[in-house]
Amino acid sequence: MRRLSALLLALFLAAPAAAQDVIADLSQSRVSITARYSGLQILVFGAIRPGPAGVGVPYDVIVTVSGPLEPVTVRRKDRIAGIWINDAAVTIGSAPTLYKIATTAPLDQILSETEDLRHSVSIPRAIRAVGLTAAVKDAPAFTEALIRIRENEGLYQIHEGGVSLQEGTLFRTDIDLPSNLVEGNYHARILLTHNKQVVAEFDDVLGVQKVGMERWIYSLAQEQALAYGVLSLAIAIAAGWGASAAFRYVRGS
């Protein structure tokens, strides 16, 4: 890792110094999900090259890792006639399956609301909500509920102060990836800020894919639902018969 960081810095400093810039890399570019996968930690590291007018100017770094986007329907349960039932529902048009943020300082101290809106950095800004109509009271609460649920699941997280910055040039942070990852491309962004303004940005991609038996089962379920259902039923019947036979054998011995 030291060798890679030194090479990264050497290439970075050799580039023309025209403006503030940032370059970064991930400790790995692909994650394979197997039966033994229980989560892992990836390292995001890089270097800052200030422009001629930016020598000695303090900068801050924001790192975000976002999972594949998906629509989500959030339902609220209300008690009607003594029974808890699903009442109102709101569709979140596009929500990341995972969203992690790490910063060198508290987010509101290094990023303005305008820049947050422009770059969709904070967790609420990363979620694009649609269908929030007047027919549903307190509709934004549904988005807050989704964030709260995924925070409890370890899918949404902000770690303020989680990025270490050495000598104002080299930075690094560790991002935890939980066991319940969704397949797809995960996008890592590194934002360089000064006076609460984004002055440079770097993007990278982390591929997450099921492999081996897990991949075969997933493909079968997605592409051949009928065969997957029949196979699941056969396995359940075989497991039930095997358990019954073992029980009879134990009772008879």
Protein backbone atom coordinates (compact mmCIF):
# COMPACT_ATOMS: atom_id res chain seq x y z
CA MET A 1 0.00 0.00 0.00
CA ARG A 2 2.86 2.40 0.75
CA ARG A 3 4.33 1.68 -2.65
CA LEU A 4 1.04 2.37 -4.38
CA SER A 5 0.53 5.59 -2.43
CA ALA A 6 4.05 6.77 -3.33
CA LEU A 7 3.46 6.02 -7.00
CA LEU A 8 0.11 7.79 -6.89
CA LEU A 9 1.65 10.87 -5.34
CA ALA A 10 4.56 10.91 -7.81
CA LEU A 11 2.22 10.78 -10.80
CA PHE A 12 0.02 13.40 -9.22
CA LEU A 13 2.79 15.89 -8.59
CA ALA A 14 4.20 15.34 -12.09
CA ALA A 15 0.96 16.56 -13.70
CA PRO A 16 0.62 20.22 -14.76
CA ALA A 17 -0.40 22.35 -11.78
CA ALA A 18 -3.16 24.51 -13.26
CA ALA A 19 -5.83 24.35 -10.56
CA GLN A 20 -6.86 22.48 -7.47
CA ASP A 21 -7.14 18.79 -8.21
CA VAL A 22 -7.59 15.49 -6.42
CA ILE A 23 -6.70 11.94 -7.38
CA ALA A 24 -7.66 8.81 -5.47
CA ASP A 25 -7.95 5.05 -5.61
CA LEU A 26 -9.66 2.15 -3.84
CA SER A 27 -7.90 -0.76 -2.14
CA GLN A 28 -9.88 -3.06 -4.45
CA SER A 29 -12.06 -2.56 -7.50
CA ARG A 30 -14.29 -5.64 -7.15
CA VAL A 31 -16.14 -7.46 -4.36
CA SER A 32 -17.18 -11.09 -4.80
CA ILE A 33 -20.16 -12.26 -2.74
CA THR A 34 -19.90 -15.92 -1.72
CA ALA A 35 -21.51 -18.03 0.98
CA ARG A 36 -18.72 -16.97 3.33
CA TYR A 37 -19.02 -13.24 2.66
CA SER A 38 -19.86 -11.41 5.90
CA GLY A 39 -18.87 -7.87 4.99
CA LEU A 40 -15.53 -6.16 4.50
CA GLN A 41 -13.73 -2.86 4.72
CA ILE A 42 -12.30 -0.99 1.75
CA LEU A 43 -9.66 1.72 1.86
CA VAL A 44 -10.14 4.97 -0.06
CA PHE A 45 -6.92 6.99 -0.35
CA GLY A 46 -5.47 9.75 -2.46
CA ALA A 47 -3.69 13.07 -2.71
CA ILE A 48 -4.55 16.75 -3.16
CA ARG A 49 -2.63 18.97 -5.54
CA PRO A 50 -3.42 22.67 -4.98
CA GLY A 51 -3.02 25.12 -7.81
CA PRO A 52 -0.40 27.90 -7.74
CA ALA A 53 -2.78 30.22 -5.90
CA GLY A 54 -3.79 27.51 -3.47
CA VAL A 55 -0.47 26.75 -1.81
CA GLY A 56 -0.96 26.66 1.95
CA VAL A 57 -4.75 27.00 1.61
CA PRO A 58 -6.66 24.60 3.91
CA TYR A 59 -8.84 22.06 2.14
CA ASP A 60 -11.32 19.46 3.34
CA VAL A 61 -12.23 16.09 1.85
CA ILE A 62 -15.60 14.36 1.58
CA VAL A 63 -15.82 10.70 0.53
CA THR A 64 -19.12 9.10 -0.48
CA VAL A 65 -19.83 5.52 -1.53
CA SER A 66 -23.23 4.94 -3.12
CA GLY A 67 -24.87 1.65 -4.05
CA PRO A 68 -27.18 0.97 -7.03
CA LEU A 69 -30.33 3.10 -7.15
CA GLU A 70 -33.76 1.55 -6.79
CA PRO A 71 -37.37 2.72 -6.29
CA VAL A 72 -38.77 2.11 -2.81
CA THR A 73 -42.34 2.23 -1.51
CA VAL A 74 -42.59 3.28 2.12
CA ARG A 75 -45.82 2.44 3.94
CA ARG A 76 -47.13 3.74 7.23
CA LYS A 77 -49.16 1.58 9.59
CA ASP A 78 -52.11 3.09 11.43
CA ARG A 79 -54.42 1.58 13.99
CA ILE A 80 -57.96 1.39 12.63
CA ALA A 81 -60.73 -0.26 14.64
CA GLY A 82 -58.11 -1.76 16.94
CA ILE A 83 -56.17 -3.37 14.07
CA TRP A 84 -52.79 -2.22 12.73
CA ILE A 85 -52.96 -2.03 8.93
CA ASN A 86 -50.99 -0.36 6.13
CA ASP A 87 -52.51 3.04 5.53
CA ALA A 88 -50.70 5.72 3.50
CA ALA A 89 -47.81 4.96 1.15
CA VAL A 90 -45.22 7.10 -0.63
CA THR A 91 -42.96 6.09 -3.51
CA ILE A 92 -39.32 7.10 -3.28
CA GLY A 93 -38.39 7.39 -6.92
CA SER A 94 -34.66 6.73 -6.57
CA ALA A 95 -32.83 5.70 -3.40
CA PRO A 96 -29.33 4.22 -3.13
CA THR A 97 -29.26 0.72 -1.66
CA LEU A 98 -26.19 1.83 0.33
CA TYR A 99 -24.83 5.28 1.10
CA LYS A 100 -21.76 5.97 3.23
CA ILE A 101 -20.17 9.38 3.89
CA ALA A 102 -16.81 10.12 5.52
CA THR A 103 -15.42 13.63 6.02
CA THR A 104 -12.45 15.44 7.48
CA ALA A 105 -14.76 17.63 9.62
CA PRO A 106 -18.48 18.09 10.38
CA LEU A 107 -20.31 18.21 7.07
CA ASP A 108 -22.14 21.49 7.73
CA GLN A 109 -18.80 23.18 8.41
CA ILE A 110 -17.17 22.20 5.12
CA LEU A 111 -20.09 22.17 2.67
CA SER A 112 -22.74 24.84 2.05
CA GLU A 113 -26.40 23.98 1.55
CA THR A 114 -26.19 25.24 -2.02
CA GLU A 115 -23.25 22.95 -2.81
CA ASP A 116 -25.01 20.07 -1.07
CA LEU A 117 -28.03 20.62 -3.29
CA ARG A 118 -25.85 20.85 -6.40
CA HIS A 119 -23.77 17.74 -5.72
CA SER A 120 -26.31 15.66 -3.70
CA VAL A 121 -23.84 14.86 -0.94
CA SER A 122 -25.85 14.46 2.29
CA ILE A 123 -28.07 11.43 2.73
CA PRO A 124 -31.41 13.26 2.22
CA ARG A 125 -30.05 14.93 -0.93
CA ALA A 126 -28.92 11.57 -2.29
CA ILE A 127 -32.53 10.40 -2.29
CA ARG A 128 -34.75 11.75 -5.02
CA ALA A 129 -38.35 11.53 -3.80
CA VAL A 130 -41.42 11.61 -6.07
CA GLY A 131 -45.13 11.27 -5.46
CA LEU A 132 -45.14 13.37 -2.28
CA THR A 133 -48.64 14.75 -2.74
CA ALA A 134 -50.92 16.74 -0.48
CA ALA A 135 -53.08 13.63 -0.13
CA VAL A 136 -50.54 12.28 2.34
CA LYS A 137 -49.97 14.24 5.52
CA ASP A 138 -46.36 14.87 6.50
CA ALA A 139 -45.08 13.19 3.32
CA PRO A 140 -41.37 14.05 3.96
CA ALA A 141 -41.59 11.88 7.08
CA PHE A 142 -41.67 8.85 4.78
CA THR A 143 -38.24 9.75 3.41
CA GLU A 144 -36.99 10.23 6.96
CA ALA A 145 -38.40 6.81 7.86
CA LEU A 146 -36.52 5.18 4.99
CA ILE A 147 -33.29 6.84 6.10
CA ARG A 148 -33.86 5.74 9.70
CA ILE A 149 -34.54 2.13 8.69
CA ARG A 150 -31.45 1.89 6.52
CA GLU A 151 -29.30 3.58 9.15
CA ASN A 152 -30.39 0.87 11.60
CA GLU A 153 -29.47 -1.76 9.00
CA GLY A 154 -26.01 -0.24 8.58
CA LEU A 155 -26.70 0.75 4.97
CA TYR A 156 -26.73 4.54 5.47
CA GLN A 157 -24.00 6.13 7.59
CA ILE A 158 -22.08 9.37 7.98
CA HIS A 159 -18.71 9.38 9.74
CA GLU A 160 -17.72 12.98 10.33
CA GLY A 161 -14.00 13.18 10.99
CA GLY A 162 -13.51 9.74 9.45
CA VAL A 163 -11.11 11.00 6.76
CA SER A 164 -7.55 11.56 7.94
CA LEU A 165 -5.63 14.31 6.13
CA GLN A 166 -1.85 14.39 6.51
CA GLU A 167 0.10 17.58 5.83
CA GLY A 168 -2.88 18.90 3.89
CA THR A 169 -2.01 16.62 0.97
CA LEU A 170 -2.52 12.89 1.60
CA PHE A 171 -5.87 11.54 2.78
CA ARG A 172 -7.37 8.15 3.58
CA THR A 173 -10.49 6.60 5.09
CA ASP A 174 -11.95 3.14 5.64
CA ILE A 175 -15.48 2.39 4.41
CA ASP A 176 -17.39 -0.56 5.89
CA LEU A 177 -19.41 -2.66 3.46
CA PRO A 178 -22.08 -4.77 5.24
CA SER A 179 -23.00 -8.36 4.49
CA ASN A 180 -26.34 -7.46 2.86
CA LEU A 181 -24.92 -5.86 -0.29
CA VAL A 182 -26.92 -5.67 -3.51
CA GLU A 183 -25.25 -6.64 -6.79
CA GLY A 184 -24.18 -3.83 -9.09
CA ASN A 185 -21.77 -0.92 -9.44
CA TYR A 186 -20.99 1.15 -6.36
CA HIS A 187 -19.81 4.68 -7.06
CA ALA A 188 -17.14 6.30 -4.91
CA ARG A 189 -16.82 10.09 -5.00
CA ILE A 190 -14.09 12.21 -3.48
CA LEU A 191 -14.97 15.89 -3.15
CA LEU A 192 -12.38 18.54 -2.34
CA THR A 193 -13.84 21.61 -0.63
CA HIS A 194 -12.59 25.06 0.37
CA ASN A 195 -14.70 27.72 2.10
CA LYS A 196 -17.65 25.30 1.88
CA GLN A 197 -17.36 25.19 -1.92
CA VAL A 198 -16.54 22.10 -4.01
CA VAL A 199 -13.36 22.89 -5.93
CA ALA A 200 -12.51 19.42 -7.31
CA GLU A 201 -14.10 16.00 -7.66
CA PHE A 202 -12.90 12.46 -8.40
CA ASP A 203 -15.04 9.41 -9.20
CA ASP A 204 -14.33 5.68 -9.13
CA VAL A 205 -16.39 2.47 -9.42
CA LEU A 206 -16.49 -0.63 -7.23
CA GLY A 207 -18.11 -3.70 -8.77
CA VAL A 208 -20.09 -6.06 -6.52
CA GLN A 209 -21.12 -9.45 -7.91
CA LYS A 210 -22.30 -12.82 -6.66
CA VAL A 211 -20.05 -15.72 -7.68
CA GLY A 212 -20.18 -19.52 -7.55
CA MET A 213 -23.35 -21.21 -6.28
CA GLU A 214 -24.80 -17.90 -5.11
CA ARG A 215 -24.53 -16.53 -8.64
CA TRP A 216 -26.21 -19.63 -10.11
CA ILE A 217 -29.12 -19.46 -7.65
CA TYR A 218 -29.56 -15.73 -8.23
CA SER A 219 -29.56 -16.12 -12.03
CA LEU A 220 -32.01 -19.01 -11.82
CA ALA A 221 -34.41 -17.00 -9.64
CA GLN A 222 -34.23 -13.96 -11.96
CA GLU A 223 -34.26 -15.67 -15.35
CA GLN A 224 -36.19 -18.92 -14.76
CA ALA A 225 -38.65 -18.26 -11.96
CA LEU A 226 -40.70 -21.41 -12.62
CA ALA A 227 -37.66 -23.70 -12.48
CA TYR A 228 -36.47 -21.93 -9.33
CA GLY A 229 -39.87 -22.42 -7.69
CA VAL A 230 -39.99 -26.13 -8.59
CA LEU A 231 -36.43 -26.63 -7.35
CA SER A 232 -37.19 -24.82 -4.07
CA LEU A 233 -40.29 -26.96 -3.55
CA ALA A 234 -38.35 -30.17 -4.27
CA ILE A 235 -35.63 -29.19 -1.79
CA ALA A 236 -38.25 -28.37 0.87
CA ILE A 237 -39.98 -31.74 0.35
CA ALA A 238 -36.66 -33.61 0.45
CA ALA A 239 -35.60 -31.78 3.61
CA GLY A 240 -38.93 -32.53 5.29
CA TRP A 241 -38.80 -36.20 4.31
CA GLY A 242 -35.19 -36.49 5.50
CA ALA A 243 -36.01 -34.92 8.86
CA SER A 244 -39.02 -37.21 9.28
CA ALA A 245 -36.96 -40.31 8.40
CA ALA A 246 -34.23 -39.32 10.85
CA PHE A 247 -36.82 -38.76 13.60
CA ARG A 248 -38.38 -42.19 13.00
CA TYR A 249 -34.95 -43.80 13.04
CA VAL A 250 -34.06 -42.16 16.35
CA ARG A 251 -37.36 -43.21 17.94
CA GLY A 252 -36.98 -46.77 16.68
CA SER A 253 -33.41 -47.22 17.98
